[in-house]
């Protein structure tokens, strides 16, 4: 005679587990739920951990250089290179630069400077002739510093 009786599973087949084992399993689940709830309450009660971002360096100067002063109509382009330096004149890497233009379009408008403090974009002719004022703005500690240059986008060739 066994001190524990066998119980049937949901499918009706006898189970090898005894009643105390079944209670232990339920007790383990209840303990786990209580521990998880306690951890959640503790996580909500603690102030969030904050990481302090590194201070952005102060931008001293932004210079622009265009690979061409004129761009032929409809299929032409010019590479625009920005150089960002510190107040001391050292190149500044990892500085975000935003480009804008009055004519044409860029390959991308947002770039980040490399280890030499430089980044490049391509200005494409968009079919409208005229002088394109290209502006680059670098954001550092304190304020943004900008520079501009002009690239002439030529009209279509004249037919005689």
C-alpha atoms as a PDB file:
ATOM      1  CA  UNK A   1       0.000   0.000   0.000  1.00  0.00           C
ATOM      2  CA  UNK A   2       1.307   3.331  -1.073  1.00  0.00           C
ATOM      3  CA  UNK A   3       0.727   6.354   1.097  1.00  0.00           C
ATOM      4  CA  UNK A   4      -0.161   8.409  -2.005  1.00  0.00           C
ATOM      5  CA  UNK A   5      -2.829   7.670  -4.517  1.00  0.00           C
ATOM      6  CA  UNK A   6      -2.267   7.978  -8.232  1.00  0.00           C
ATOM      7  CA  UNK A   7      -4.128  10.695 -10.066  1.00  0.00           C
ATOM      8  CA  UNK A   8      -5.246  10.812 -13.641  1.00  0.00           C
ATOM      9  CA  UNK A   9      -4.012  13.256 -16.255  1.00  0.00           C
ATOM     10  CA  UNK A  10      -6.448  15.326 -18.272  1.00  0.00           C
ATOM     11  CA  UNK A  11      -6.530  12.623 -20.903  1.00  0.00           C
ATOM     12  CA  UNK A  12      -7.542  10.060 -18.363  1.00  0.00           C
ATOM     13  CA  UNK A  13      -4.319   8.022 -18.331  1.00  0.00           C
ATOM     14  CA  UNK A  14      -2.758   7.284 -14.941  1.00  0.00           C
ATOM     15  CA  UNK A  15       0.111   9.573 -14.039  1.00  0.00           C
ATOM     16  CA  UNK A  16       3.337   8.658 -12.283  1.00  0.00           C
ATOM     17  CA  UNK A  17       3.319  11.910 -10.325  1.00  0.00           C
ATOM     18  CA  UNK A  18       1.940  11.746  -6.827  1.00  0.00           C
ATOM     19  CA  UNK A  19      -0.257  14.397  -5.202  1.00  0.00           C
ATOM     20  CA  UNK A  20       2.618  15.969  -3.148  1.00  0.00           C
ATOM     21  CA  UNK A  21       4.710  16.366  -6.313  1.00  0.00           C
ATOM     22  CA  UNK A  22       1.793  18.108  -7.958  1.00  0.00           C
ATOM     23  CA  UNK A  23       1.465  20.485  -4.993  1.00  0.00           C
ATOM     24  CA  UNK A  24       5.241  21.175  -5.052  1.00  0.00           C
ATOM     25  CA  UNK A  25       5.034  22.106  -8.716  1.00  0.00           C
ATOM     26  CA  UNK A  26       2.180  24.528  -8.011  1.00  0.00           C
ATOM     27  CA  UNK A  27       4.117  25.951  -5.040  1.00  0.00           C
ATOM     28  CA  UNK A  28       7.198  26.492  -7.264  1.00  0.00           C
ATOM     29  CA  UNK A  29       5.123  28.367  -9.827  1.00  0.00           C
ATOM     30  CA  UNK A  30       3.567  30.571  -7.146  1.00  0.00           C
ATOM     31  CA  UNK A  31       7.008  31.333  -5.699  1.00  0.00           C
ATOM     32  CA  UNK A  32       8.321  32.241  -9.142  1.00  0.00           C
ATOM     33  CA  UNK A  33       5.377  34.597  -9.766  1.00  0.00           C
ATOM     34  CA  UNK A  34       5.914  36.321  -6.410  1.00  0.00           C
ATOM     35  CA  UNK A  35       9.634  36.767  -7.152  1.00  0.00           C
ATOM     36  CA  UNK A  36       8.914  38.216 -10.602  1.00  0.00           C
ATOM     37  CA  UNK A  37       6.361  40.644  -9.167  1.00  0.00           C
ATOM     38  CA  UNK A  38       8.830  41.732  -6.477  1.00  0.00           C
ATOM     39  CA  UNK A  39      11.515  42.346  -9.114  1.00  0.00           C
ATOM     40  CA  UNK A  40       9.087  44.404 -11.214  1.00  0.00           C
ATOM     41  CA  UNK A  41       8.070  46.538  -8.231  1.00  0.00           C
ATOM     42  CA  UNK A  42      11.718  47.059  -7.297  1.00  0.00           C
ATOM     43  CA  UNK A  43      12.599  48.070 -10.885  1.00  0.00           C
ATOM     44  CA  UNK A  44       9.803  50.637 -10.898  1.00  0.00           C
ATOM     45  CA  UNK A  45      10.780  52.016  -7.489  1.00  0.00           C
ATOM     46  CA  UNK A  46      14.451  52.643  -8.383  1.00  0.00           C
ATOM     47  CA  UNK A  47      15.367  55.809 -10.284  1.00  0.00           C
ATOM     48  CA  UNK A  48      16.426  55.157 -13.890  1.00  0.00           C
ATOM     49  CA  UNK A  49      20.109  54.962 -14.672  1.00  0.00           C
ATOM     50  CA  UNK A  50      21.187  57.804 -16.888  1.00  0.00           C
ATOM     51  CA  UNK A  51      24.240  57.932 -19.069  1.00  0.00           C
ATOM     52  CA  UNK A  52      25.795  61.329 -19.497  1.00  0.00           C
ATOM     53  CA  UNK A  53      26.721  62.023 -23.124  1.00  0.00           C
ATOM     54  CA  UNK A  54      30.216  63.229 -23.821  1.00  0.00           C
ATOM     55  CA  UNK A  55      30.484  66.983 -24.175  1.00  0.00           C
ATOM     56  CA  UNK A  56      30.544  67.972 -27.834  1.00  0.00           C
ATOM     57  CA  UNK A  57      33.667  69.943 -28.704  1.00  0.00           C
ATOM     58  CA  UNK A  58      33.360  73.588 -29.617  1.00  0.00           C
ATOM     59  CA  UNK A  59      33.482  74.133 -33.362  1.00  0.00           C
ATOM     60  CA  UNK A  60      35.885  76.895 -34.337  1.00  0.00           C
ATOM     61  CA  UNK A  61      35.523  76.993 -38.113  1.00  0.00           C
ATOM     62  CA  UNK A  62      33.743  75.341 -41.020  1.00  0.00           C
ATOM     63  CA  UNK A  63      35.191  75.579 -44.534  1.00  0.00           C
ATOM     64  CA  UNK A  64      33.709  74.378 -47.815  1.00  0.00           C
ATOM     65  CA  UNK A  65      35.481  73.330 -50.982  1.00  0.00           C
ATOM     66  CA  UNK A  66      33.718  72.487 -54.264  1.00  0.00           C
ATOM     67  CA  UNK A  67      35.409  70.213 -56.806  1.00  0.00           C
ATOM     68  CA  UNK A  68      33.987  72.398 -59.602  1.00  0.00           C
ATOM     69  CA  UNK A  69      32.756  75.977 -59.713  1.00  0.00           C
ATOM     70  CA  UNK A  70      30.351  75.154 -62.570  1.00  0.00           C
ATOM     71  CA  UNK A  71      28.207  72.079 -63.203  1.00  0.00           C
ATOM     72  CA  UNK A  72      26.936  71.225 -66.697  1.00  0.00           C
ATOM     73  CA  UNK A  73      23.216  70.848 -67.178  1.00  0.00           C
ATOM     74  CA  UNK A  74      21.206  67.779 -66.407  1.00  0.00           C
ATOM     75  CA  UNK A  75      23.898  65.163 -65.752  1.00  0.00           C
ATOM     76  CA  UNK A  76      26.652  67.067 -63.992  1.00  0.00           C
ATOM     77  CA  UNK A  77      27.712  67.029 -60.377  1.00  0.00           C
ATOM     78  CA  UNK A  78      30.275  68.526 -58.009  1.00  0.00           C
ATOM     79  CA  UNK A  79      31.741  67.097 -54.819  1.00  0.00           C
ATOM     80  CA  UNK A  80      31.377  69.456 -51.872  1.00  0.00           C
ATOM     81  CA  UNK A  81      33.836  68.813 -49.022  1.00  0.00           C
ATOM     82  CA  UNK A  82      33.403  70.352 -45.587  1.00  0.00           C
ATOM     83  CA  UNK A  83      36.231  70.646 -43.066  1.00  0.00           C
ATOM     84  CA  UNK A  84      35.387  71.235 -39.408  1.00  0.00           C
ATOM     85  CA  UNK A  85      38.074  72.440 -36.996  1.00  0.00           C
ATOM     86  CA  UNK A  86      38.187  73.323 -33.314  1.00  0.00           C
ATOM     87  CA  UNK A  87      38.887  76.757 -31.880  1.00  0.00           C
ATOM     88  CA  UNK A  88      42.554  75.683 -31.691  1.00  0.00           C
ATOM     89  CA  UNK A  89      42.507  74.742 -35.407  1.00  0.00           C
ATOM     90  CA  UNK A  90      42.521  70.950 -34.915  1.00  0.00           C
ATOM     91  CA  UNK A  91      40.307  68.716 -37.095  1.00  0.00           C
ATOM     92  CA  UNK A  92      37.112  67.601 -35.308  1.00  0.00           C
ATOM     93  CA  UNK A  93      35.963  64.020 -35.993  1.00  0.00           C
ATOM     94  CA  UNK A  94      32.381  62.757 -35.454  1.00  0.00           C
ATOM     95  CA  UNK A  95      30.717  66.148 -35.877  1.00  0.00           C
ATOM     96  CA  UNK A  96      27.267  66.166 -37.500  1.00  0.00           C
ATOM     97  CA  UNK A  97      27.040  68.464 -40.520  1.00  0.00           C
ATOM     98  CA  UNK A  98      23.826  69.443 -42.300  1.00  0.00           C
ATOM     99  CA  UNK A  99      23.960  70.626 -45.916  1.00  0.00           C
ATOM    100  CA  UNK A 100      21.399  72.789 -47.701  1.00  0.00           C
ATOM    101  CA  UNK A 101      21.261  74.354 -51.164  1.00  0.00           C
ATOM    102  CA  UNK A 102      19.158  76.849 -53.074  1.00  0.00           C
ATOM    103  CA  UNK A 103      19.401  74.860 -56.351  1.00  0.00           C
ATOM    104  CA  UNK A 104      20.189  71.262 -57.209  1.00  0.00           C
ATOM    105  CA  UNK A 105      20.070  68.294 -54.842  1.00  0.00           C
ATOM    106  CA  UNK A 106      22.519  66.399 -52.624  1.00  0.00           C
ATOM    107  CA  UNK A 107      23.415  62.722 -52.460  1.00  0.00           C
ATOM    108  CA  UNK A 108      22.653  63.082 -48.730  1.00  0.00           C
ATOM    109  CA  UNK A 109      22.064  66.166 -46.611  1.00  0.00           C
ATOM    110  CA  UNK A 110      23.322  64.837 -43.248  1.00  0.00           C
ATOM    111  CA  UNK A 111      26.906  63.645 -42.815  1.00  0.00           C
ATOM    112  CA  UNK A 112      29.440  63.079 -40.021  1.00  0.00           C
ATOM    113  CA  UNK A 113      33.060  64.165 -40.205  1.00  0.00           C
ATOM    114  CA  UNK A 114      35.821  61.557 -40.391  1.00  0.00           C
ATOM    115  CA  UNK A 115      39.079  61.448 -38.386  1.00  0.00           C
ATOM    116  CA  UNK A 116      40.426  64.352 -40.489  1.00  0.00           C
ATOM    117  CA  UNK A 117      37.389  66.508 -39.656  1.00  0.00           C
ATOM    118  CA  UNK A 118      36.100  66.190 -43.224  1.00  0.00           C
ATOM    119  CA  UNK A 119      32.932  64.953 -44.878  1.00  0.00           C
ATOM    120  CA  UNK A 120      31.752  65.065 -48.482  1.00  0.00           C
ATOM    121  CA  UNK A 121      28.476  65.157 -50.378  1.00  0.00           C
ATOM    122  CA  UNK A 122      27.702  65.281 -54.072  1.00  0.00           C
ATOM    123  CA  UNK A 123      25.701  68.192 -55.493  1.00  0.00           C
ATOM    124  CA  UNK A 124      23.696  67.107 -58.551  1.00  0.00           C
ATOM    125  CA  UNK A 125      22.258  69.415 -61.201  1.00  0.00           C
ATOM    126  CA  UNK A 126      18.462  69.211 -61.000  1.00  0.00           C
ATOM    127  CA  UNK A 127      17.733  70.832 -64.368  1.00  0.00           C
ATOM    128  CA  UNK A 128      17.289  74.417 -63.190  1.00  0.00           C
ATOM    129  CA  UNK A 129      20.176  76.730 -64.132  1.00  0.00           C
ATOM    130  CA  UNK A 130      21.508  79.403 -61.803  1.00  0.00           C
ATOM    131  CA  UNK A 131      23.836  80.012 -58.881  1.00  0.00           C
ATOM    132  CA  UNK A 132      23.413  77.416 -56.146  1.00  0.00           C
ATOM    133  CA  UNK A 133      24.314  78.677 -52.702  1.00  0.00           C
ATOM    134  CA  UNK A 134      25.553  75.642 -50.765  1.00  0.00           C
ATOM    135  CA  UNK A 135      25.483  75.928 -46.980  1.00  0.00           C
ATOM    136  CA  UNK A 136      27.024  73.563 -44.402  1.00  0.00           C
ATOM    137  CA  UNK A 137      26.247  73.847 -40.677  1.00  0.00           C
ATOM    138  CA  UNK A 138      28.191  72.005 -37.963  1.00  0.00           C
ATOM    139  CA  UNK A 139      26.770  71.782 -34.447  1.00  0.00           C
ATOM    140  CA  UNK A 140      29.239  71.743 -31.583  1.00  0.00           C
ATOM    141  CA  UNK A 141      29.187  72.831 -27.960  1.00  0.00           C
ATOM    142  CA  UNK A 142      27.562  76.188 -27.571  1.00  0.00           C
ATOM    143  CA  UNK A 143      26.415  77.076 -31.056  1.00  0.00           C
ATOM    144  CA  UNK A 144      26.297  76.082 -34.690  1.00  0.00           C
ATOM    145  CA  UNK A 145      28.915  77.303 -37.166  1.00  0.00           C
ATOM    146  CA  UNK A 146      28.118  77.623 -40.877  1.00  0.00           C
ATOM    147  CA  UNK A 147      29.925  78.240 -44.141  1.00  0.00           C
ATOM    148  CA  UNK A 148      28.693  78.848 -47.684  1.00  0.00           C
ATOM    149  CA  UNK A 149      29.998  78.566 -51.219  1.00  0.00           C
ATOM    150  CA  UNK A 150      28.471  79.143 -54.636  1.00  0.00           C
ATOM    151  CA  UNK A 151      28.371  76.680 -57.516  1.00  0.00           C
ATOM    152  CA  UNK A 152      26.960  77.738 -60.893  1.00  0.00           C
ATOM    153  CA  UNK A 153      24.549  75.251 -62.440  1.00  0.00           C
ATOM    154  CA  UNK A 154      24.652  75.803 -66.204  1.00  0.00           C
ATOM    155  CA  UNK A 155      21.632  75.818 -68.474  1.00  0.00           C
ATOM    156  CA  UNK A 156      21.190  73.482 -71.445  1.00  0.00           C
ATOM    157  CA  UNK A 157      23.389  74.113 -74.464  1.00  0.00           C
ATOM    158  CA  UNK A 158      22.001  76.554 -77.005  1.00  0.00           C
ATOM    159  CA  UNK A 159      21.182  75.215 -80.438  1.00  0.00           C
ATOM    160  CA  UNK A 160      22.053  77.481 -83.359  1.00  0.00           C
END
